PDB file of all heavy atoms in Angstrom:
ATOM      1  N   TYR A   1      -0.942 -12.381 -12.243  1.00  0.00           N
ATOM      2  CA  TYR A   1      -1.290 -10.960 -12.203  1.00  0.00           C
ATOM      3  C   TYR A   1      -2.320 -10.633 -11.129  1.00  0.00           C
ATOM      4  O   TYR A   1      -2.367  -9.514 -10.632  1.00  0.00           O
ATOM      5  CB  TYR A   1      -1.801 -10.503 -13.578  1.00  0.00           C
ATOM      6  CG  TYR A   1      -0.740 -10.537 -14.661  1.00  0.00           C
ATOM      7  CD1 TYR A   1      -1.072 -10.374 -15.989  1.00  0.00           C
ATOM      8  CD2 TYR A   1       0.600 -10.745 -14.343  1.00  0.00           C
ATOM      9  CE1 TYR A   1      -0.103 -10.424 -16.989  1.00  0.00           C
ATOM     10  CE2 TYR A   1       1.571 -10.796 -15.326  1.00  0.00           C
ATOM     11  CZ  TYR A   1       1.220 -10.632 -16.650  1.00  0.00           C
ATOM     12  OH  TYR A   1       2.183 -10.686 -17.621  1.00  0.00           O
ATOM     13  N   ASN A   2      -3.131 -11.633 -10.751  1.00  0.00           N
ATOM     14  CA  ASN A   2      -4.187 -11.348  -9.776  1.00  0.00           C
ATOM     15  C   ASN A   2      -3.654 -11.202  -8.350  1.00  0.00           C
ATOM     16  O   ASN A   2      -4.381 -10.735  -7.469  1.00  0.00           O
ATOM     17  CB  ASN A   2      -5.278 -12.428  -9.834  1.00  0.00           C
ATOM     18  CG  ASN A   2      -4.744 -13.832  -9.597  1.00  0.00           C
ATOM     19  OD1 ASN A   2      -3.543 -14.089  -9.687  1.00  0.00           O
ATOM     20  ND2 ASN A   2      -5.637 -14.763  -9.304  1.00  0.00           N
ATOM     21  N   ILE A   3      -2.405 -11.584  -8.091  1.00  0.00           N
ATOM     22  CA  ILE A   3      -1.829 -11.416  -6.747  1.00  0.00           C
ATOM     23  C   ILE A   3      -0.479 -10.698  -6.790  1.00  0.00           C
ATOM     24  O   ILE A   3       0.305 -10.791  -5.853  1.00  0.00           O
ATOM     25  CB  ILE A   3      -1.672 -12.770  -6.013  1.00  0.00           C
ATOM     26  CG1 ILE A   3      -0.772 -13.735  -6.816  1.00  0.00           C
ATOM     27  CG2 ILE A   3      -3.030 -13.392  -5.715  1.00  0.00           C
ATOM     28  CD1 ILE A   3      -0.304 -14.939  -6.001  1.00  0.00           C
ATOM     29  N   SER A   4      -0.209  -9.981  -7.882  1.00  0.00           N
ATOM     30  CA  SER A   4       1.118  -9.383  -8.052  1.00  0.00           C
ATOM     31  C   SER A   4       1.460  -8.365  -6.961  1.00  0.00           C
ATOM     32  O   SER A   4       2.583  -8.332  -6.445  1.00  0.00           O
ATOM     33  CB  SER A   4       1.258  -8.747  -9.436  1.00  0.00           C
ATOM     34  OG  SER A   4       0.234  -7.792  -9.656  1.00  0.00           O
ATOM     35  N   SER A   5       0.490  -7.544  -6.573  1.00  0.00           N
ATOM     36  CA  SER A   5       0.760  -6.568  -5.512  1.00  0.00           C
ATOM     37  C   SER A   5       1.024  -7.266  -4.179  1.00  0.00           C
ATOM     38  O   SER A   5       1.913  -6.869  -3.419  1.00  0.00           O
ATOM     39  CB  SER A   5      -0.414  -5.590  -5.355  1.00  0.00           C
ATOM     40  OG  SER A   5      -0.509  -4.745  -6.491  1.00  0.00           O
ATOM     41  N   GLN A   6       0.277  -8.338  -3.901  1.00  0.00           N
ATOM     42  CA  GLN A   6       0.491  -9.100  -2.671  1.00  0.00           C
ATOM     43  C   GLN A   6       1.885  -9.722  -2.650  1.00  0.00           C
ATOM     44  O   GLN A   6       2.540  -9.785  -1.604  1.00  0.00           O
ATOM     45  CB  GLN A   6      -0.577 -10.190  -2.533  1.00  0.00           C
ATOM     46  CG  GLN A   6      -1.986  -9.664  -2.300  1.00  0.00           C
ATOM     47  CD  GLN A   6      -3.035 -10.743  -2.508  1.00  0.00           C
ATOM     48  OE1 GLN A   6      -3.586 -10.877  -3.594  1.00  0.00           O
ATOM     49  NE2 GLN A   6      -3.306 -11.505  -1.478  1.00  0.00           N
ATOM     50  N   ILE A   7       2.333 -10.187  -3.802  1.00  0.00           N
ATOM     51  CA  ILE A   7       3.687 -10.748  -3.917  1.00  0.00           C
ATOM     52  C   ILE A   7       4.724  -9.687  -3.564  1.00  0.00           C
ATOM     53  O   ILE A   7       5.671  -9.934  -2.810  1.00  0.00           O
ATOM     54  CB  ILE A   7       3.916 -11.309  -5.330  1.00  0.00           C
ATOM     55  CG1 ILE A   7       3.130 -12.604  -5.518  1.00  0.00           C
ATOM     56  CG2 ILE A   7       5.411 -11.561  -5.585  1.00  0.00           C
ATOM     57  CD1 ILE A   7       3.129 -13.140  -6.933  1.00  0.00           C
ATOM     58  N   LEU A   8       4.543  -8.496  -4.099  1.00  0.00           N
ATOM     59  CA  LEU A   8       5.503  -7.416  -3.849  1.00  0.00           C
ATOM     60  C   LEU A   8       5.514  -7.005  -2.376  1.00  0.00           C
ATOM     61  O   LEU A   8       6.581  -6.747  -1.802  1.00  0.00           O
ATOM     62  CB  LEU A   8       5.196  -6.218  -4.754  1.00  0.00           C
ATOM     63  CG  LEU A   8       5.541  -6.445  -6.227  1.00  0.00           C
ATOM     64  CD1 LEU A   8       4.912  -5.367  -7.099  1.00  0.00           C
ATOM     65  CD2 LEU A   8       7.051  -6.470  -6.441  1.00  0.00           C
ATOM     66  N   PHE A   9       4.357  -6.955  -1.751  1.00  0.00           N
ATOM     67  CA  PHE A   9       4.324  -6.599  -0.323  1.00  0.00           C
ATOM     68  C   PHE A   9       4.927  -7.705   0.539  1.00  0.00           C
ATOM     69  O   PHE A   9       5.558  -7.431   1.555  1.00  0.00           O
ATOM     70  CB  PHE A   9       2.900  -6.260   0.115  1.00  0.00           C
ATOM     71  CG  PHE A   9       2.492  -4.846  -0.229  1.00  0.00           C
ATOM     72  CD1 PHE A   9       1.606  -4.588  -1.253  1.00  0.00           C
ATOM     73  CD2 PHE A   9       3.034  -3.778   0.468  1.00  0.00           C
ATOM     74  CE1 PHE A   9       1.256  -3.275  -1.583  1.00  0.00           C
ATOM     75  CE2 PHE A   9       2.685  -2.468   0.156  1.00  0.00           C
ATOM     76  CZ  PHE A   9       1.798  -2.212  -0.873  1.00  0.00           C
ATOM     77  N   LYS A  10       4.759  -8.953   0.114  1.00  0.00           N
ATOM     78  CA  LYS A  10       5.408 -10.076   0.819  1.00  0.00           C
ATOM     79  C   LYS A  10       6.932  -9.927   0.731  1.00  0.00           C
ATOM     80  O   LYS A  10       7.647 -10.146   1.720  1.00  0.00           O
ATOM     81  CB  LYS A  10       4.964 -11.390   0.187  1.00  0.00           C
ATOM     82  CG  LYS A  10       5.753 -12.627   0.614  1.00  0.00           C
ATOM     83  CD  LYS A  10       5.157 -13.288   1.811  1.00  0.00           C
ATOM     84  CE  LYS A  10       5.830 -14.628   2.079  1.00  0.00           C
ATOM     85  NZ  LYS A  10       5.281 -15.323   3.257  1.00  0.00           N
ATOM     86  N   ILE A  11       7.420  -9.547  -0.428  1.00  0.00           N
ATOM     87  CA  ILE A  11       8.855  -9.326  -0.612  1.00  0.00           C
ATOM     88  C   ILE A  11       9.331  -8.165   0.258  1.00  0.00           C
ATOM     89  O   ILE A  11      10.382  -8.233   0.901  1.00  0.00           O
ATOM     90  CB  ILE A  11       9.164  -9.089  -2.103  1.00  0.00           C
ATOM     91  CG1 ILE A  11       8.978 -10.400  -2.887  1.00  0.00           C
ATOM     92  CG2 ILE A  11      10.575  -8.538  -2.297  1.00  0.00           C
ATOM     93  CD1 ILE A  11       8.933 -10.234  -4.386  1.00  0.00           C
ATOM     94  N   LEU A  12       8.546  -7.098   0.297  1.00  0.00           N
ATOM     95  CA  LEU A  12       8.904  -5.945   1.129  1.00  0.00           C
ATOM     96  C   LEU A  12       9.010  -6.323   2.607  1.00  0.00           C
ATOM     97  O   LEU A  12       9.916  -5.880   3.309  1.00  0.00           O
ATOM     98  CB  LEU A  12       7.877  -4.826   0.954  1.00  0.00           C
ATOM     99  CG  LEU A  12       8.059  -3.930  -0.273  1.00  0.00           C
ATOM    100  CD1 LEU A  12       6.815  -3.081  -0.496  1.00  0.00           C
ATOM    101  CD2 LEU A  12       9.290  -3.045  -0.118  1.00  0.00           C
ATOM    102  N   GLU A  13       8.095  -7.150   3.063  1.00  0.00           N
ATOM    103  CA  GLU A  13       8.118  -7.588   4.461  1.00  0.00           C
ATOM    104  C   GLU A  13       9.392  -8.372   4.778  1.00  0.00           C
ATOM    105  O   GLU A  13       9.839  -8.402   5.924  1.00  0.00           O
ATOM    106  CB  GLU A  13       6.899  -8.462   4.761  1.00  0.00           C
ATOM    107  CG  GLU A  13       5.575  -7.700   4.794  1.00  0.00           C
ATOM    108  CD  GLU A  13       4.380  -8.642   4.835  1.00  0.00           C
ATOM    109  OE1 GLU A  13       4.589  -9.865   5.045  1.00  0.00           O
ATOM    110  OE2 GLU A  13       3.250  -8.157   4.653  1.00  0.00           O
ATOM    111  N   ASN A  14       9.944  -9.013   3.753  1.00  0.00           N
ATOM    112  CA  ASN A  14      11.128  -9.850   3.931  1.00  0.00           C
ATOM    113  C   ASN A  14      12.346  -9.269   3.209  1.00  0.00           C
ATOM    114  O   ASN A  14      13.240  -9.988   2.783  1.00  0.00           O
ATOM    115  CB  ASN A  14      10.843 -11.266   3.423  1.00  0.00           C
ATOM    116  CG  ASN A  14       9.770 -11.969   4.225  1.00  0.00           C
ATOM    117  OD1 ASN A  14      10.049 -12.613   5.219  1.00  0.00           O
ATOM    118  ND2 ASN A  14       8.516 -11.847   3.786  1.00  0.00           N
ATOM    119  N   ARG A  15      12.373  -7.939   3.087  1.00  0.00           N
ATOM    120  CA  ARG A  15      13.368  -7.263   2.261  1.00  0.00           C
ATOM    121  C   ARG A  15      14.813  -7.519   2.703  1.00  0.00           C
ATOM    122  O   ARG A  15      15.726  -7.478   1.880  1.00  0.00           O
ATOM    123  CB  ARG A  15      13.095  -5.765   2.223  1.00  0.00           C
ATOM    124  CG  ARG A  15      13.031  -5.112   3.600  1.00  0.00           C
ATOM    125  CD  ARG A  15      12.526  -3.678   3.515  1.00  0.00           C
ATOM    126  NE  ARG A  15      12.352  -3.060   4.826  1.00  0.00           N
ATOM    127  CZ  ARG A  15      11.258  -3.152   5.563  1.00  0.00           C
ATOM    128  NH1 ARG A  15      10.236  -3.858   5.131  1.00  0.00           N
ATOM    129  NH2 ARG A  15      11.186  -2.551   6.729  1.00  0.00           N
ATOM    130  N   GLN A  16      15.019  -7.789   3.997  1.00  0.00           N
ATOM    131  CA  GLN A  16      16.394  -8.016   4.469  1.00  0.00           C
ATOM    132  C   GLN A  16      16.938  -9.345   3.955  1.00  0.00           C
ATOM    133  O   GLN A  16      18.150  -9.562   3.959  1.00  0.00           O
ATOM    134  CB  GLN A  16      16.446  -7.995   6.011  1.00  0.00           C
ATOM    135  CG  GLN A  16      15.792  -6.786   6.668  1.00  0.00           C
ATOM    136  CD  GLN A  16      16.452  -5.454   6.357  1.00  0.00           C
ATOM    137  OE1 GLN A  16      17.097  -5.285   5.320  1.00  0.00           O
ATOM    138  NE2 GLN A  16      16.303  -4.477   7.235  1.00  0.00           N
ATOM    139  N   GLN A  17      16.034 -10.219   3.503  1.00  0.00           N
ATOM    140  CA  GLN A  17      16.455 -11.552   3.050  1.00  0.00           C
ATOM    141  C   GLN A  17      16.450 -11.679   1.527  1.00  0.00           C
ATOM    142  O   GLN A  17      16.926 -12.673   0.995  1.00  0.00           O
ATOM    143  CB  GLN A  17      15.524 -12.609   3.662  1.00  0.00           C
ATOM    144  CG  GLN A  17      16.161 -13.987   3.792  1.00  0.00           C
ATOM    145  CD  GLN A  17      15.236 -14.991   4.458  1.00  0.00           C
ATOM    146  OE1 GLN A  17      14.177 -14.646   4.961  1.00  0.00           O
ATOM    147  NE2 GLN A  17      15.628 -16.250   4.471  1.00  0.00           N
ATOM    148  N   VAL A  18      15.892 -10.665   0.827  1.00  0.00           N
ATOM    149  CA  VAL A  18      15.732 -10.765  -0.636  1.00  0.00           C
ATOM    150  C   VAL A  18      16.488  -9.630  -1.334  1.00  0.00           C
ATOM    151  O   VAL A  18      15.960  -8.525  -1.495  1.00  0.00           O
ATOM    152  CB  VAL A  18      14.231 -10.718  -1.024  1.00  0.00           C
ATOM    153  CG1 VAL A  18      14.071 -10.923  -2.529  1.00  0.00           C
ATOM    154  CG2 VAL A  18      13.438 -11.772  -0.252  1.00  0.00           C
ATOM    155  N   PRO A  19      17.732  -9.879  -1.769  1.00  0.00           N
ATOM    156  CA  PRO A  19      18.532  -8.823  -2.378  1.00  0.00           C
ATOM    157  C   PRO A  19      18.173  -8.504  -3.832  1.00  0.00           C
ATOM    158  O   PRO A  19      18.532  -7.442  -4.338  1.00  0.00           O
ATOM    159  CB  PRO A  19      19.960  -9.359  -2.284  1.00  0.00           C
ATOM    160  CG  PRO A  19      19.814 -10.837  -2.205  1.00  0.00           C
ATOM    161  CD  PRO A  19      18.514 -11.104  -1.521  1.00  0.00           C
ATOM    162  N   GLU A  20      17.479  -9.428  -4.509  1.00  0.00           N
ATOM    163  CA  GLU A  20      17.151  -9.163  -5.916  1.00  0.00           C
ATOM    164  C   GLU A  20      15.865  -9.881  -6.303  1.00  0.00           C
ATOM    165  O   GLU A  20      15.607 -11.006  -5.869  1.00  0.00           O
ATOM    166  CB  GLU A  20      18.297  -9.618  -6.832  1.00  0.00           C
ATOM    167  CG  GLU A  20      18.059  -9.242  -8.296  1.00  0.00           C
ATOM    168  CD  GLU A  20      19.262  -9.530  -9.193  1.00  0.00           C
ATOM    169  OE1 GLU A  20      19.983 -10.524  -8.930  1.00  0.00           O
ATOM    170  OE2 GLU A  20      19.483  -8.770 -10.147  1.00  0.00           O
ATOM    171  N   VAL A  21      15.078  -9.203  -7.141  1.00  0.00           N
ATOM    172  CA  VAL A  21      13.842  -9.763  -7.687  1.00  0.00           C
ATOM    173  C   VAL A  21      13.797  -9.443  -9.172  1.00  0.00           C
ATOM    174  O   VAL A  21      14.036  -8.308  -9.579  1.00  0.00           O
ATOM    175  CB  VAL A  21      12.589  -9.159  -7.016  1.00  0.00           C
ATOM    176  CG1 VAL A  21      11.311  -9.785  -7.583  1.00  0.00           C
ATOM    177  CG2 VAL A  21      12.643  -9.324  -5.500  1.00  0.00           C
ATOM    178  N   VAL A  22      13.493 -10.432  -9.992  1.00  0.00           N
ATOM    179  CA  VAL A  22      13.225 -10.204 -11.411  1.00  0.00           C
ATOM    180  C   VAL A  22      11.879 -10.837 -11.702  1.00  0.00           C
ATOM    181  O   VAL A  22      11.659 -12.018 -11.411  1.00  0.00           O
ATOM    182  CB  VAL A  22      14.307 -10.819 -12.321  1.00  0.00           C
ATOM    183  CG1 VAL A  22      13.866 -10.775 -13.786  1.00  0.00           C
ATOM    184  CG2 VAL A  22      15.629 -10.080 -12.152  1.00  0.00           C
ATOM    185  N   GLY A  23      10.945 -10.041 -12.220  1.00  0.00           N
ATOM    186  CA  GLY A  23       9.614 -10.595 -12.404  1.00  0.00           C
ATOM    187  C   GLY A  23       8.835 -10.009 -13.563  1.00  0.00           C
ATOM    188  O   GLY A  23       9.046  -8.867 -13.959  1.00  0.00           O
ATOM    189  N   MET A  24       7.932 -10.835 -14.069  1.00  0.00           N
ATOM    190  CA  MET A  24       6.986 -10.415 -15.099  1.00  0.00           C
ATOM    191  C   MET A  24       5.695  -9.990 -14.415  1.00  0.00           C
ATOM    192  O   MET A  24       5.121 -10.735 -13.609  1.00  0.00           O
ATOM    193  CB  MET A  24       6.687 -11.581 -16.033  1.00  0.00           C
ATOM    194  CG  MET A  24       5.649 -11.256 -17.100  1.00  0.00           C
ATOM    195  SD  MET A  24       6.392 -10.873 -18.678  1.00  0.00           S
ATOM    196  CE  MET A  24       6.976 -12.487 -19.166  1.00  0.00           C
ATOM    197  N   PHE A  25       5.255  -8.791 -14.748  1.00  0.00           N
ATOM    198  CA  PHE A  25       4.035  -8.239 -14.175  1.00  0.00           C
ATOM    199  C   PHE A  25       3.164  -7.674 -15.292  1.00  0.00           C
ATOM    200  O   PHE A  25       3.629  -7.440 -16.404  1.00  0.00           O
ATOM    201  CB  PHE A  25       4.364  -7.098 -13.200  1.00  0.00           C
ATOM    202  CG  PHE A  25       5.097  -7.520 -11.966  1.00  0.00           C
ATOM    203  CD1 PHE A  25       6.483  -7.537 -11.944  1.00  0.00           C
ATOM    204  CD2 PHE A  25       4.405  -7.887 -10.822  1.00  0.00           C
ATOM    205  CE1 PHE A  25       7.171  -7.921 -10.800  1.00  0.00           C
ATOM    206  CE2 PHE A  25       5.080  -8.269  -9.680  1.00  0.00           C
ATOM    207  CZ  PHE A  25       6.466  -8.283  -9.664  1.00  0.00           C
ATOM    208  N   GLN A  26       1.916  -7.411 -14.966  1.00  0.00           N
ATOM    209  CA  GLN A  26       1.087  -6.603 -15.856  1.00  0.00           C
ATOM    210  C   GLN A  26       1.809  -5.264 -16.038  1.00  0.00           C
ATOM    211  O   GLN A  26       2.340  -4.705 -15.086  1.00  0.00           O
ATOM    212  CB  GLN A  26      -0.284  -6.412 -15.230  1.00  0.00           C
ATOM    213  CG  GLN A  26      -1.262  -5.643 -16.092  1.00  0.00           C
ATOM    214  CD  GLN A  26      -2.645  -5.562 -15.453  1.00  0.00           C
ATOM    215  OE1 GLN A  26      -3.025  -6.450 -14.679  1.00  0.00           O
ATOM    216  NE2 GLN A  26      -3.385  -4.516 -15.762  1.00  0.00           N
ATOM    217  N   LYS A  27       1.843  -4.759 -17.257  1.00  0.00           N
ATOM    218  CA  LYS A  27       2.609  -3.551 -17.565  1.00  0.00           C
ATOM    219  C   LYS A  27       2.229  -2.391 -16.648  1.00  0.00           C
ATOM    220  O   LYS A  27       3.090  -1.623 -16.200  1.00  0.00           O
ATOM    221  CB  LYS A  27       2.396  -3.154 -19.028  1.00  0.00           C
ATOM    222  CG  LYS A  27       3.274  -2.010 -19.519  1.00  0.00           C
ATOM    223  CD  LYS A  27       3.111  -1.842 -21.031  1.00  0.00           C
ATOM    224  CE  LYS A  27       4.067  -0.779 -21.559  1.00  0.00           C
ATOM    225  NZ  LYS A  27       3.587   0.588 -21.268  1.00  0.00           N
ATOM    226  N   GLU A  28       0.964  -2.279 -16.336  1.00  0.00           N
ATOM    227  CA  GLU A  28       0.486  -1.192 -15.480  1.00  0.00           C
ATOM    228  C   GLU A  28       1.113  -1.272 -14.083  1.00  0.00           C
ATOM    229  O   GLU A  28       1.488  -0.253 -13.498  1.00  0.00           O
ATOM    230  CB  GLU A  28      -1.042  -1.278 -15.391  1.00  0.00           C
ATOM    231  CG  GLU A  28      -1.691  -0.230 -14.515  1.00  0.00           C
ATOM    232  CD  GLU A  28      -3.196  -0.434 -14.424  1.00  0.00           C
ATOM    233  OE1 GLU A  28      -3.831  -0.672 -15.465  1.00  0.00           O
ATOM    234  OE2 GLU A  28      -3.730  -0.364 -13.303  1.00  0.00           O
ATOM    235  N   VAL A  29       1.241  -2.480 -13.551  1.00  0.00           N
ATOM    236  CA  VAL A  29       1.855  -2.674 -12.237  1.00  0.00           C
ATOM    237  C   VAL A  29       3.349  -2.380 -12.306  1.00  0.00           C
ATOM    238  O   VAL A  29       3.913  -1.722 -11.430  1.00  0.00           O
ATOM    239  CB  VAL A  29       1.602  -4.105 -11.717  1.00  0.00           C
ATOM    240  CG1 VAL A  29       2.360  -4.357 -10.415  1.00  0.00           C
ATOM    241  CG2 VAL A  29       0.117  -4.336 -11.515  1.00  0.00           C
TER     242      VAL A  29
END
């Protein structure tokens, strides 16, 4: 949870290579 936003931005940067993400996050995020 302490790096969840960073994980999502990393995925966004590589969005052409990542067609699907399933993840557990803090409910607020």
